[in-house]
Protein backbone atom coordinates (compact mmCIF):
# COMPACT_ATOMS: atom_id res chain seq x y z
CA MET A 1 -2.97 -0.44 -17.73
CA ARG A 2 0.82 0.14 -18.04
CA LEU A 3 0.95 0.59 -14.39
CA PHE A 4 -0.53 -2.74 -13.95
CA ARG A 5 1.73 -4.36 -16.59
CA TYR A 6 4.88 -3.08 -14.74
CA THR A 7 3.51 -4.46 -11.34
CA PHE A 8 2.69 -7.71 -12.73
CA LEU A 9 6.02 -8.15 -14.37
CA PHE A 10 7.84 -7.10 -11.13
CA VAL A 11 5.85 -9.68 -9.11
CA THR A 12 6.45 -12.36 -11.71
CA MET A 13 10.17 -11.58 -11.50
CA ILE A 14 9.96 -11.97 -7.71
CA LEU A 15 8.08 -15.26 -7.96
CA TRP A 16 10.33 -16.59 -10.61
CA SER A 17 13.57 -15.94 -8.68
CA PHE A 18 11.84 -17.76 -5.71
CA MET A 19 11.27 -20.81 -7.87
CA GLY A 20 14.75 -20.73 -9.27
CA THR A 21 16.61 -20.78 -6.09
CA ALA A 22 16.77 -24.20 -4.20
CA GLN A 23 17.33 -22.62 -0.79
CA MET A 24 14.18 -20.60 -0.69
CA ILE A 25 11.20 -21.92 1.16
CA PRO A 26 8.12 -20.74 -0.84
CA ASN A 27 6.00 -20.33 2.39
CA ALA A 28 8.77 -18.54 4.41
CA PRO A 29 8.05 -14.83 5.04
CA ILE A 30 10.14 -12.17 3.31
CA GLU A 31 11.83 -9.82 6.02
CA ASN A 32 11.43 -6.13 5.28
CA PHE A 33 9.09 -6.61 2.35
CA ARG A 34 9.19 -3.61 0.08
CA LEU A 35 7.22 -2.87 -3.32
CA PRO A 36 7.57 0.32 -5.15
CA MET A 37 5.19 1.43 -7.91
CA PHE A 38 6.09 3.75 -10.85
CA ASN A 39 4.14 5.78 -13.19
CA GLN A 40 4.77 6.05 -17.10
CA GLU A 41 7.30 8.99 -16.50
CA GLY A 42 9.29 6.70 -14.09
CA PHE A 43 8.33 8.58 -10.91
CA LYS A 44 7.48 6.77 -7.79
CA VAL A 45 3.63 6.70 -7.31
CA TRP A 46 3.37 4.69 -4.06
CA GLU A 47 5.43 2.27 -2.15
CA ILE A 48 4.31 -0.42 0.30
CA GLN A 49 6.50 -1.88 3.05
CA GLY A 50 5.97 -4.43 5.65
CA ASN A 51 8.06 -6.01 8.50
CA GLN A 52 7.30 -9.19 6.79
CA GLY A 53 5.59 -10.32 3.69
CA LEU A 54 4.36 -13.81 3.10
CA LEU A 55 3.25 -15.05 -0.45
CA VAL A 56 0.00 -16.77 0.03
CA ASP A 57 -0.59 -17.52 -3.56
CA GLU A 58 0.04 -16.06 -6.97
CA THR A 59 -2.16 -13.02 -6.11
CA ASN A 60 -2.04 -12.47 -2.42
CA ILE A 61 0.60 -11.28 -0.16
CA GLU A 62 0.15 -11.17 3.74
CA LEU A 63 1.85 -8.17 5.20
CA VAL A 64 2.78 -7.42 8.93
CA LYS A 65 3.10 -3.93 10.09
CA ILE A 66 2.64 -2.12 6.89
CA ARG A 67 3.45 1.32 5.70
CA LEU A 68 2.02 2.57 2.36
CA GLN A 69 3.44 5.86 1.17
CA VAL A 70 1.68 7.68 -1.65
CA PHE A 71 3.86 10.20 -3.54
CA SER A 72 3.14 13.30 -5.71
CA ASP A 73 3.13 12.56 -9.42
CA SER A 74 6.36 14.49 -9.79
CA ALA A 75 10.17 14.17 -9.80
CA ALA A 76 10.06 15.88 -6.23
CA LYS A 77 9.41 12.60 -4.48
CA ILE A 78 7.01 14.21 -1.93
CA ILE A 79 5.14 11.99 0.25
CA GLU A 80 1.46 13.08 -0.02
CA THR A 81 -0.17 10.51 2.29
CA GLU A 82 0.98 7.72 4.56
CA ILE A 83 -1.12 4.76 5.57
CA THR A 84 -0.17 2.35 8.41
CA SER A 85 -1.76 -0.77 9.73
CA PRO A 86 -0.66 -3.69 11.90
CA SER A 87 -1.43 -6.11 9.00
CA ALA A 88 -3.01 -6.30 5.64
CA THR A 89 -3.48 -8.24 2.45
CA MET A 90 -2.14 -7.05 -0.92
CA VAL A 91 -4.03 -8.38 -3.91
CA ILE A 92 -1.17 -8.00 -6.54
CA ASN A 93 -3.07 -8.25 -9.74
CA GLU A 94 -5.85 -5.71 -8.59
CA ASN A 95 -3.34 -3.16 -7.06
CA ARG A 96 -5.39 -3.24 -3.75
CA VAL A 97 -4.51 -3.61 -0.19
CA TYR A 98 -7.15 -4.43 2.50
CA GLY A 99 -7.14 -5.19 6.29
CA THR A 100 -9.88 -5.93 8.92
CA ASN A 101 -7.88 -4.36 11.70
CA SER A 102 -6.90 -0.66 12.43
CA ILE A 103 -5.73 1.82 9.81
CA ARG A 104 -4.08 5.21 10.29
CA ILE A 105 -4.05 7.77 7.19
CA GLU A 106 -2.14 10.75 7.84
CA ASN A 107 -0.87 13.81 5.59
CA LYS A 108 -0.35 17.52 6.32
CA ASN A 109 -4.21 18.37 6.31
CA TYR A 110 -5.82 15.56 8.10
CA LEU A 111 -5.55 12.31 10.18
CA ILE A 112 -8.01 9.43 9.62
CA THR A 113 -8.26 6.30 11.72
CA GLY A 114 -10.63 3.35 11.61
CA GLN A 115 -10.90 -0.39 11.01
CA ASN A 116 -12.04 -2.73 8.25
CA TRP A 117 -10.64 -0.85 5.25
CA GLN A 118 -9.57 -1.18 1.75
CA TRP A 119 -7.08 0.85 -0.46
CA ASN A 120 -7.37 1.07 -4.19
CA GLY A 121 -3.99 1.98 -5.90
CA ASP A 122 -5.46 2.65 -9.24
CA GLN A 123 -8.16 4.98 -8.04
CA LYS A 124 -6.13 6.44 -5.04
CA THR A 125 -9.01 5.82 -2.76
CA VAL A 126 -9.44 4.43 0.77
CA VAL A 127 -12.78 3.04 2.15
CA ILE A 128 -12.92 2.64 5.92
CA GLU A 129 -16.03 0.62 7.13
CA GLU A 130 -15.89 0.87 10.98
CA ASN A 131 -14.92 3.28 13.79
CA VAL A 132 -13.85 6.15 11.46
CA LEU A 133 -12.44 9.16 13.09
CA VAL A 134 -11.31 12.30 11.03
CA THR A 135 -9.20 15.14 12.46
CA PHE A 136 -8.61 18.15 10.12
CA PHE A 137 -5.37 20.31 10.80
CA GLN A 138 -6.26 23.07 8.40
CA ASN A 139 -8.50 26.03 9.26
CA ILE A 140 -12.09 25.40 7.83
CA GLY A 141 -13.01 29.15 8.41
CA ASP A 142 -16.68 30.18 8.04
CA LEU A 143 -17.81 26.84 6.79
CA LEU A 144 -19.67 25.78 10.04
CA GLN A 145 -21.58 29.17 10.45
């Protein structure tokens, strides 16, 4: 709940800054969009970046060429997983990102690709609906015998 509150406050501050600046055009894309999320201890939990971010309404941001990095829950700032996609929509108040096009999920143990996907930041889960391909990099030993 506290994580949601911080996200909501951060996004509200961004929206407020847009409204208070006369030169800003509300429907203009934000170049090099970046939104980090921190846990209660102040460590970065994840960060989403995009070449462009367009605020569609109060709850949705359209992102182009996204990169979502999920970090370990420690001060070490170790990237556990990296997710990339040509485009996606971020639902701010639900801490969720989804896309209908391709996705690539990679960490040191596996690579997953597919299409029509959804990432849930609260649950740290990804659901991929179509054309899923999983490649494991670690040895699975006698599992298949």
